[in-house]
Amino acid sequence: MFVDKARIKIKAGDGGDGAVSFHREKYVAAGGPDGGDGGSGGNVVFQVDDNFSTLIDFRYKRKYIAQNGENGGSKRCTGKSAPDLVIRVPRGTVIREADTGRIMADMSDDEPKILAKGGRGGKGNSNFATSTRQIPRFAKPGFPGESFDVTLELKLLADVGLVGFPNVGKSTLISVVSAAKPKIANYHFTTLTPVLGVVRLDEERSFVMADIPGLIEGASEGIGLGHEFLRHVERCRLILHVLDVSGIEGRDPIDDFEKINKELANFSEALAECPQIVVANKSDMATPEQIAALQEYIEGLGLQFFTISAATTQGTGALMDAVGYKLSELPPVKVFEAQPLSPEEWESRFASKQEFEVEVEDGIYYVSAVWLEPVLRTVNMEDYSSLQYFQRVLRSSGIIDKLEEMGIEEGDTVNIFGFEFDYIR
């Protein structure tokens, strides 16, 4: 089963919490704080694996979560950092953020790419000791790892793409010029998935050719099979537009040419501008008049025109030589550049990390904030300096300002994840 599109959720590991610990050793009085830092969470890393040719594995597993870092320990021991989670994908996979469509990575080379960074570990209480605060009874929690919903889209890496109506001989052509062995039969939509073949011109020159399932009118709007695979033509440096010059199935090759080009343009403006070589196939079954009429029309458009018979290999050698020469003049296979976040997106995402809600019920102010829970977990409510730290967090995040805006009075009760305290100005 050929699967070339999938949606998954990736989540990097959270950093480990810093430790609250004090040195205890015989004959050592007042050893002081020695809580260690938490370890870093694991990154989510994508890596190309040429053993994979489809995205079918992502149909069965849709969540990929890296391990969290270990918490810090006593004696200033730093928690162990978690290993990276490596996700292997076929070469040519384009990864986008599902919500915005932003390109995060194009997996076209062998370089691994980190798409979700693990959270840093929190600081242990040994980091907060000062001359005036010698016994800090609090530590910082680990930072959360990044999380994204992403779409994976496989766009084959091919130099040349074969396009045309069904049953014009594309599969036959790729089978005689390369080692590819596609299914060939005399009916429409024999090719149900793209087929790649390597064409070797000589010992030092070769290129990759892709047989794209046949297009029909309306393909760019979802009609037929070809619309599912038009994305695989996007990377091609050159298009071989195959036509049935014999008209044996009752179609006009000139009309076919115009319809297919219209579908390519409707799908992508870049495809409409891609260089083309027009191939008149089944010439052994066509009349000289049919060939001459098509040649006059195509060359009138300024395009190269070749007459071949893929079934008998007539003219295929000259065609491949011309393709190789044309490719030497063209830029390399298209690679999609990763798109950074805009300043507005950065600002909105930073703000979302400190979002909170305040509700009043029976005179109690309930504060809910996901990011505040790990902070609360590391605060020692019996320690003055720890409470000061917690108060600074509430003030800097805007929670105190919001409570005052809502009319909180001194002595009113505030509830944060079950922990209640009286508000004091």
Protein backbone atom coordinates (compact mmCIF):
# COMPACT_ATOMS: atom_id res chain seq x y z
CA MET A 1 0.00 0.00 0.00
CA PHE A 2 1.47 3.33 -1.07
CA VAL A 3 0.82 6.05 1.52
CA ASP A 4 2.30 9.48 0.84
CA LYS A 5 0.51 11.65 3.40
CA ALA A 6 0.07 11.34 7.17
CA ARG A 7 -0.59 13.43 10.25
CA ILE A 8 1.10 12.76 13.60
CA LYS A 9 1.71 14.41 16.97
CA ILE A 10 5.27 14.87 18.22
CA LYS A 11 6.19 15.81 21.79
CA ALA A 12 9.70 16.40 23.09
CA GLY A 13 10.55 15.34 26.63
CA ASP A 14 10.13 17.66 29.59
CA GLY A 15 13.17 18.68 31.59
CA GLY A 16 13.65 17.09 35.00
CA ASP A 17 12.91 19.08 38.15
CA GLY A 18 15.66 20.54 40.25
CA ALA A 19 16.13 18.94 43.69
CA VAL A 20 15.67 20.43 47.13
CA SER A 21 18.33 18.79 49.27
CA PHE A 22 20.75 19.65 52.09
CA HIS A 23 24.15 18.17 52.73
CA ARG A 24 24.13 15.67 55.57
CA GLU A 25 27.40 14.11 56.68
CA LYS A 26 28.86 13.04 59.98
CA TYR A 27 31.03 15.72 61.61
CA VAL A 28 29.85 18.28 58.99
CA ALA A 29 27.49 20.79 60.61
CA ALA A 30 25.18 22.93 58.46
CA GLY A 31 26.41 21.46 55.19
CA GLY A 32 24.18 23.74 53.18
CA PRO A 33 22.00 23.17 50.10
CA ASP A 34 23.22 20.58 47.59
CA GLY A 35 20.22 19.91 45.34
CA GLY A 36 21.25 19.13 41.77
CA ASP A 37 19.74 20.28 38.47
CA GLY A 38 17.30 18.24 36.42
CA GLY A 39 18.32 16.60 33.17
CA SER A 40 17.21 17.79 29.75
CA GLY A 41 14.27 16.14 27.98
CA GLY A 42 14.81 14.22 24.76
CA ASN A 43 14.53 15.96 21.37
CA VAL A 44 12.35 14.67 18.55
CA VAL A 45 14.67 14.12 15.57
CA PHE A 46 13.73 13.21 11.99
CA GLN A 47 16.17 11.15 9.95
CA VAL A 48 16.06 9.98 6.31
CA ASP A 49 16.04 6.20 5.85
CA ASP A 50 16.27 4.94 2.27
CA ASN A 51 14.83 1.58 3.36
CA PHE A 52 11.44 3.29 3.59
CA SER A 53 9.49 4.20 0.47
CA THR A 54 6.06 5.14 1.91
CA LEU A 55 4.56 6.70 5.04
CA ILE A 56 2.38 3.69 5.82
CA ASP A 57 3.91 3.18 9.29
CA PHE A 58 2.44 6.51 10.37
CA ARG A 59 -1.07 5.24 9.69
CA TYR A 60 -0.78 2.89 12.67
CA LYS A 61 1.19 5.03 15.12
CA ARG A 62 0.26 8.68 15.39
CA LYS A 63 1.86 9.85 18.65
CA TYR A 64 5.61 10.11 19.15
CA ILE A 65 6.68 11.24 22.64
CA ALA A 66 10.29 11.52 23.77
CA GLN A 67 11.40 10.65 27.29
CA ASN A 68 11.54 13.20 30.08
CA GLY A 69 14.80 14.15 31.77
CA GLU A 70 15.47 12.74 35.22
CA ASN A 71 15.05 14.89 38.32
CA GLY A 72 18.11 16.25 40.08
CA GLY A 73 19.53 14.48 43.12
CA SER A 74 21.36 15.24 46.31
CA LYS A 75 25.10 15.99 46.44
CA ARG A 76 24.61 18.35 43.45
CA CYS A 77 23.97 15.38 41.16
CA THR A 78 22.46 16.43 37.85
CA GLY A 79 19.65 14.24 36.57
CA LYS A 80 20.32 12.14 33.48
CA SER A 81 19.31 13.74 30.19
CA ALA A 82 16.87 11.71 28.11
CA PRO A 83 17.92 10.23 24.73
CA ASP A 84 16.58 11.72 21.52
CA LEU A 85 13.59 10.12 19.86
CA VAL A 86 14.58 9.42 16.23
CA ILE A 87 11.76 9.14 13.67
CA ARG A 88 12.80 7.65 10.33
CA VAL A 89 11.07 8.80 7.14
CA PRO A 90 11.52 8.22 3.38
CA ARG A 91 13.76 10.59 1.47
CA GLY A 92 11.75 13.47 0.07
CA THR A 93 9.35 13.83 3.00
CA VAL A 94 8.23 17.42 3.62
CA ILE A 95 7.16 18.13 7.21
CA ARG A 96 4.67 20.93 7.89
CA GLU A 97 3.07 22.30 11.03
CA ALA A 98 -0.51 21.09 10.78
CA ASP A 99 -2.19 24.23 12.13
CA THR A 100 -0.38 26.82 10.01
CA GLY A 101 0.97 24.85 7.03
CA ARG A 102 4.45 26.23 7.79
CA ILE A 103 7.25 24.09 6.34
CA MET A 104 9.38 22.85 9.23
CA ALA A 105 11.80 20.62 7.31
CA ASP A 106 12.43 19.00 3.94
CA MET A 107 13.98 15.59 4.48
CA SER A 108 15.92 15.45 1.23
CA ASP A 109 19.45 14.98 2.57
CA ASP A 110 21.09 12.76 5.17
CA GLU A 111 21.32 15.44 7.85
CA PRO A 112 19.07 14.72 10.87
CA LYS A 113 16.76 17.57 11.84
CA ILE A 114 15.50 18.44 15.33
CA LEU A 115 11.87 19.53 15.05
CA ALA A 116 10.83 19.50 18.70
CA LYS A 117 13.41 20.49 21.32
CA GLY A 118 13.42 18.89 24.73
CA GLY A 119 12.90 21.07 27.79
CA ARG A 120 15.86 22.20 29.90
CA GLY A 121 16.21 20.80 33.36
CA GLY A 122 15.20 22.90 36.36
CA LYS A 123 17.74 24.36 38.76
CA GLY A 124 18.34 22.70 42.12
CA ASN A 125 18.24 24.66 45.37
CA SER A 126 22.05 24.82 45.50
CA ASN A 127 21.83 27.48 42.74
CA PHE A 128 19.76 29.83 44.89
CA ALA A 129 22.01 30.07 47.94
CA THR A 130 23.24 33.60 48.64
CA SER A 131 24.84 35.39 51.58
CA THR A 132 21.41 36.50 52.76
CA ARG A 133 19.49 33.35 51.74
CA GLN A 134 21.63 30.49 52.95
CA ILE A 135 18.90 27.84 53.25
CA PRO A 136 16.75 27.98 50.06
CA ARG A 137 13.97 25.42 50.37
CA PHE A 138 12.79 25.64 46.80
CA ALA A 139 13.97 24.59 43.34
CA LYS A 140 12.83 25.24 39.79
CA PRO A 141 10.79 22.76 37.77
CA GLY A 142 11.97 21.51 34.41
CA PHE A 143 10.85 23.31 31.29
CA PRO A 144 8.25 21.54 29.11
CA GLY A 145 9.36 20.12 25.77
CA GLU A 146 8.00 21.45 22.50
CA SER A 147 4.91 19.82 21.05
CA PHE A 148 3.52 19.99 17.50
CA ASP A 149 0.89 18.41 15.31
CA VAL A 150 2.64 17.88 11.98
CA THR A 151 1.74 16.58 8.54
CA LEU A 152 4.15 14.43 6.58
CA GLU A 153 3.97 14.67 2.81
CA LEU A 154 6.14 12.54 0.57
CA LYS A 155 7.30 14.32 -2.58
CA LEU A 156 9.45 11.95 -4.62
CA LEU A 157 12.95 13.09 -5.50
CA ALA A 158 13.04 12.63 -9.26
CA ASP A 159 14.81 14.58 -12.00
CA VAL A 160 12.24 13.76 -14.67
CA GLY A 161 8.49 13.24 -14.34
CA LEU A 162 6.38 11.42 -16.91
CA VAL A 163 2.93 12.96 -17.23
CA GLY A 164 0.07 12.33 -19.60
CA PHE A 165 -3.33 10.75 -19.93
CA PRO A 166 -3.81 7.11 -18.85
CA ASN A 167 -2.70 4.42 -21.29
CA VAL A 168 -0.41 6.64 -23.41
CA GLY A 169 2.64 4.44 -22.72
CA LYS A 170 4.38 6.07 -19.75
CA SER A 171 4.92 2.77 -17.92
CA THR A 172 6.21 1.10 -21.07
CA LEU A 173 8.67 3.95 -21.62
CA ILE A 174 10.15 3.83 -18.09
CA SER A 175 10.39 0.04 -18.28
CA VAL A 176 12.53 0.11 -21.45
CA VAL A 177 14.87 2.95 -20.44
CA SER A 178 15.44 1.89 -16.80
CA ALA A 179 15.38 -1.19 -14.58
CA ALA A 180 11.93 -0.30 -13.22
CA LYS A 181 9.28 -2.97 -13.73
CA PRO A 182 5.88 -1.33 -13.46
CA LYS A 183 2.66 -3.22 -14.17
CA ILE A 184 1.77 -2.77 -17.84
CA ALA A 185 -1.63 -3.59 -19.33
CA ASN A 186 -3.97 -2.23 -21.98
CA TYR A 187 -6.43 -0.49 -19.68
CA HIS A 188 -6.70 2.84 -17.91
CA PHE A 189 -5.08 3.39 -14.54
CA THR A 190 -2.72 0.43 -14.74
CA THR A 191 -0.30 2.54 -12.70
CA LEU A 192 -1.81 3.12 -9.27
CA THR A 193 1.30 4.44 -7.51
CA PRO A 194 4.33 6.45 -8.69
CA VAL A 195 7.20 4.32 -9.99
CA LEU A 196 10.84 5.42 -9.85
CA GLY A 197 13.49 4.25 -12.29
CA VAL A 198 17.17 5.15 -12.71
CA VAL A 199 18.18 5.87 -16.31
CA ARG A 200 21.91 5.33 -16.92
CA LEU A 201 23.33 7.17 -19.92
CA ASP A 202 26.91 6.01 -19.31
CA GLU A 203 29.17 5.13 -16.39
CA GLU A 204 29.21 8.67 -15.06
CA ARG A 205 25.80 10.05 -16.03
CA SER A 206 22.40 8.97 -14.78
CA PHE A 207 19.12 10.50 -13.65
CA VAL A 208 15.95 9.43 -11.83
CA MET A 209 12.67 9.23 -13.73
CA ALA A 210 9.22 9.00 -12.10
CA ASP A 211 6.18 7.45 -13.77
CA ILE A 212 3.22 9.41 -12.37
CA PRO A 213 -0.25 7.77 -12.51
CA GLY A 214 -2.26 9.00 -15.48
CA LEU A 215 -3.99 12.37 -15.28
CA ILE A 216 -7.42 13.19 -16.61
CA GLU A 217 -9.35 16.41 -17.00
CA GLY A 218 -10.25 17.75 -13.55
CA ALA A 219 -7.36 15.99 -11.82
CA SER A 220 -6.34 19.15 -9.94
CA GLU A 221 -9.87 19.25 -8.47
CA GLY A 222 -9.70 15.67 -7.24
CA ILE A 223 -11.04 13.72 -10.22
CA GLY A 224 -9.39 10.41 -11.06
CA LEU A 225 -6.17 9.08 -9.53
CA GLY A 226 -3.60 11.56 -10.73
CA HIS A 227 -4.53 14.38 -8.34
CA GLU A 228 -3.23 12.32 -5.43
CA PHE A 229 0.22 12.21 -7.02
CA LEU A 230 0.64 15.64 -8.61
CA ARG A 231 2.71 16.57 -5.54
CA HIS A 232 5.38 14.14 -6.77
CA VAL A 233 5.89 16.18 -9.94
CA GLU A 234 6.62 19.36 -7.97
CA ARG A 235 10.29 18.51 -7.42
CA CYS A 236 10.96 17.39 -11.00
CA ARG A 237 13.47 19.43 -12.93
CA LEU A 238 12.01 18.38 -16.28
CA ILE A 239 8.65 17.06 -17.44
CA LEU A 240 8.32 14.50 -20.21
CA HIS A 241 4.84 15.04 -21.56
CA VAL A 242 3.83 11.76 -23.21
CA LEU A 243 1.09 11.84 -25.88
CA ASP A 244 -0.58 9.10 -27.89
CA VAL A 245 0.05 10.44 -31.40
CA SER A 246 -1.88 7.57 -33.02
CA GLY A 247 -5.20 8.60 -31.48
CA ILE A 248 -6.04 4.90 -31.30
CA GLU A 249 -8.39 5.48 -28.36
CA GLY A 250 -10.27 8.24 -30.15
CA ARG A 251 -8.57 11.16 -28.38
CA ASP A 252 -6.91 14.17 -29.99
CA PRO A 253 -3.26 14.45 -28.77
CA ILE A 254 -3.31 18.25 -29.11
CA ASP A 255 -6.43 18.44 -26.96
CA ASP A 256 -4.83 16.05 -24.46
CA PHE A 257 -1.71 18.23 -24.30
CA GLU A 258 -3.71 21.37 -23.51
CA LYS A 259 -5.86 19.66 -20.89
CA ILE A 260 -2.92 18.17 -19.00
CA ASN A 261 -1.04 21.47 -18.98
CA LYS A 262 -4.16 23.16 -17.64
CA GLU A 263 -4.32 20.64 -14.78
CA LEU A 264 -0.63 21.19 -13.96
CA ALA A 265 -1.16 24.97 -13.90
CA ASN A 266 -4.25 24.66 -11.70
CA PHE A 267 -2.30 22.56 -9.20
CA SER A 268 0.81 24.74 -9.07
CA GLU A 269 2.10 27.79 -10.94
CA ALA A 270 5.62 26.39 -10.59
CA LEU A 271 4.57 23.24 -12.47
CA ALA A 272 3.23 25.35 -15.33
CA GLU A 273 6.68 26.94 -15.69
CA CYS A 274 8.63 23.67 -15.45
CA PRO A 275 10.59 22.86 -18.66
CA GLN A 276 8.92 20.26 -20.89
CA ILE A 277 9.89 17.87 -23.63
CA VAL A 278 6.95 16.51 -25.60
CA VAL A 279 7.05 12.83 -26.55
CA ALA A 280 4.82 11.49 -29.32
CA ASN A 281 4.45 7.81 -28.44
CA LYS A 282 2.92 4.94 -30.46
CA SER A 283 4.31 6.49 -33.62
CA ASP A 284 4.49 3.01 -35.19
CA MET A 285 0.67 3.02 -35.26
CA ALA A 286 0.29 6.63 -36.45
CA THR A 287 0.16 8.06 -39.97
CA PRO A 288 2.79 10.57 -41.17
CA GLU A 289 0.07 13.20 -41.31
CA GLN A 290 -0.82 12.70 -37.64
CA ILE A 291 2.82 12.99 -36.60
CA ALA A 292 3.43 16.06 -38.77
CA ALA A 293 0.35 17.90 -37.45
CA LEU A 294 1.34 17.30 -33.81
CA GLN A 295 4.98 18.21 -34.45
CA GLU A 296 4.02 21.48 -36.13
CA TYR A 297 1.82 22.44 -33.18
CA ILE A 298 4.35 21.54 -30.44
CA GLU A 299 7.35 23.13 -32.14
CA GLY A 300 5.21 26.19 -32.75
CA LEU A 301 5.08 26.56 -28.98
CA GLY A 302 8.87 26.48 -28.81
CA LEU A 303 9.05 23.02 -27.19
CA GLN A 304 11.28 20.09 -28.11
CA PHE A 305 9.44 17.28 -29.88
CA PHE A 306 10.44 13.61 -30.12
CA THR A 307 8.75 10.77 -31.93
CA ILE A 308 9.12 7.34 -30.33
CA SER A 309 7.58 3.92 -30.00
CA ALA A 310 8.18 2.74 -26.45
CA ALA A 311 6.92 -0.76 -27.26
CA THR A 312 9.63 -1.26 -29.92
CA THR A 313 12.19 1.12 -28.26
CA GLN A 314 12.32 3.14 -31.50
CA GLY A 315 13.67 6.64 -30.75
CA THR A 316 14.03 6.08 -26.99
CA GLY A 317 17.84 6.28 -27.04
CA ALA A 318 17.86 9.70 -28.73
CA LEU A 319 15.17 10.89 -26.34
CA MET A 320 17.18 9.90 -23.25
CA ASP A 321 20.31 11.59 -24.63
CA ALA A 322 18.31 14.78 -25.14
CA VAL A 323 16.91 14.52 -21.59
CA GLY A 324 20.40 14.09 -20.16
CA TYR A 325 21.68 17.12 -22.06
CA LYS A 326 18.70 19.23 -20.97
CA LEU A 327 19.18 18.25 -17.30
CA SER A 328 22.81 19.41 -17.44
CA GLU A 329 21.50 22.92 -18.09
CA LEU A 330 18.90 22.92 -15.32
CA PRO A 331 19.26 23.65 -11.58
CA PRO A 332 19.27 20.73 -9.11
CA VAL A 333 16.16 19.07 -7.70
CA LYS A 334 14.00 21.54 -5.79
CA VAL A 335 14.40 21.56 -2.01
CA PHE A 336 11.77 23.29 0.12
CA GLU A 337 13.27 25.75 2.59
CA ALA A 338 12.14 25.62 6.21
CA GLN A 339 9.99 28.61 7.12
CA PRO A 340 10.78 30.34 10.43
CA LEU A 341 8.04 31.66 12.69
CA SER A 342 7.05 35.26 12.12
CA PRO A 343 7.54 37.78 14.97
CA GLU A 344 3.77 37.76 15.54
CA GLU A 345 3.73 33.96 15.83
CA TRP A 346 6.67 34.03 18.25
CA GLU A 347 4.87 36.58 20.39
CA SER A 348 1.58 34.66 20.42
CA ARG A 349 3.30 31.38 21.30
CA PHE A 350 5.28 32.96 24.12
CA ALA A 351 2.11 34.51 25.47
CA SER A 352 0.26 31.19 25.29
CA LYS A 353 2.86 29.61 27.59
CA GLN A 354 1.69 31.89 30.41
CA GLU A 355 -2.04 31.86 29.75
CA PHE A 356 -4.26 31.60 32.80
CA GLU A 357 -7.90 31.88 33.82
CA VAL A 358 -9.41 33.26 37.01
CA GLU A 359 -12.96 32.42 38.12
CA VAL A 360 -14.82 33.49 41.24
CA GLU A 361 -17.14 31.02 42.96
CA ASP A 362 -18.62 31.46 46.45
CA GLY A 363 -16.10 34.18 47.20
CA ILE A 364 -13.08 32.01 46.29
CA TYR A 365 -10.80 33.01 43.41
CA TYR A 366 -9.85 29.91 41.41
CA VAL A 367 -6.71 30.28 39.28
CA SER A 368 -6.06 27.70 36.55
CA ALA A 369 -2.82 27.69 34.53
CA VAL A 370 -1.20 24.55 33.17
CA TRP A 371 2.30 26.02 33.32
CA LEU A 372 1.88 26.93 37.00
CA GLU A 373 1.40 23.37 38.24
CA PRO A 374 5.10 22.30 38.06
CA VAL A 375 6.10 25.58 39.68
CA LEU A 376 3.74 24.97 42.58
CA ARG A 377 5.11 21.45 42.99
CA THR A 378 8.60 22.74 43.86
CA VAL A 379 7.57 25.45 46.31
CA ASN A 380 7.96 24.87 50.04
CA MET A 381 5.07 26.75 51.64
CA GLU A 382 6.75 26.67 55.05
CA ASP A 383 9.82 28.52 53.83
CA TYR A 384 9.76 32.31 53.56
CA SER A 385 12.22 32.63 50.67
CA SER A 386 10.37 29.91 48.76
CA LEU A 387 7.10 31.79 49.19
CA GLN A 388 8.77 34.98 47.99
CA TYR A 389 9.84 33.15 44.83
CA PHE A 390 6.25 31.93 44.30
CA GLN A 391 4.93 35.45 44.82
CA ARG A 392 7.33 36.82 42.20
CA VAL A 393 6.06 34.23 39.70
CA LEU A 394 2.44 35.25 40.34
CA ARG A 395 3.32 38.93 39.99
CA SER A 396 5.47 38.64 36.83
CA SER A 397 2.87 36.46 35.06
CA GLY A 398 0.10 39.01 35.63
CA ILE A 399 -2.00 36.81 37.93
CA ILE A 400 -1.83 39.26 40.85
CA ASP A 401 -2.80 42.15 38.55
CA LYS A 402 -5.75 40.14 37.24
CA LEU A 403 -6.94 39.33 40.78
CA GLU A 404 -6.78 43.01 41.74
CA GLU A 405 -8.59 43.95 38.55
CA MET A 406 -11.38 41.55 39.50
CA GLY A 407 -11.74 43.29 42.87
CA ILE A 408 -10.03 40.90 45.26
CA GLU A 409 -9.84 42.22 48.82
CA GLU A 410 -7.32 41.51 51.56
CA GLY A 411 -8.22 38.30 53.33
CA ASP A 412 -10.06 36.78 50.32
CA THR A 413 -9.18 33.17 49.49
CA VAL A 414 -7.22 32.17 46.36
CA ASN A 415 -7.21 28.55 45.17
CA ILE A 416 -4.49 27.26 42.84
CA PHE A 417 -4.75 23.54 42.05
CA GLY A 418 -6.22 22.83 45.48
CA PHE A 419 -3.71 24.95 47.41
CA GLU A 420 -5.54 27.77 49.21
CA PHE A 421 -4.13 30.90 50.77
CA ASP A 422 -5.41 34.28 51.91
CA TYR A 423 -4.64 37.27 49.72
CA ILE A 424 -2.50 39.89 51.43
CA ARG A 425 -1.52 43.14 49.78
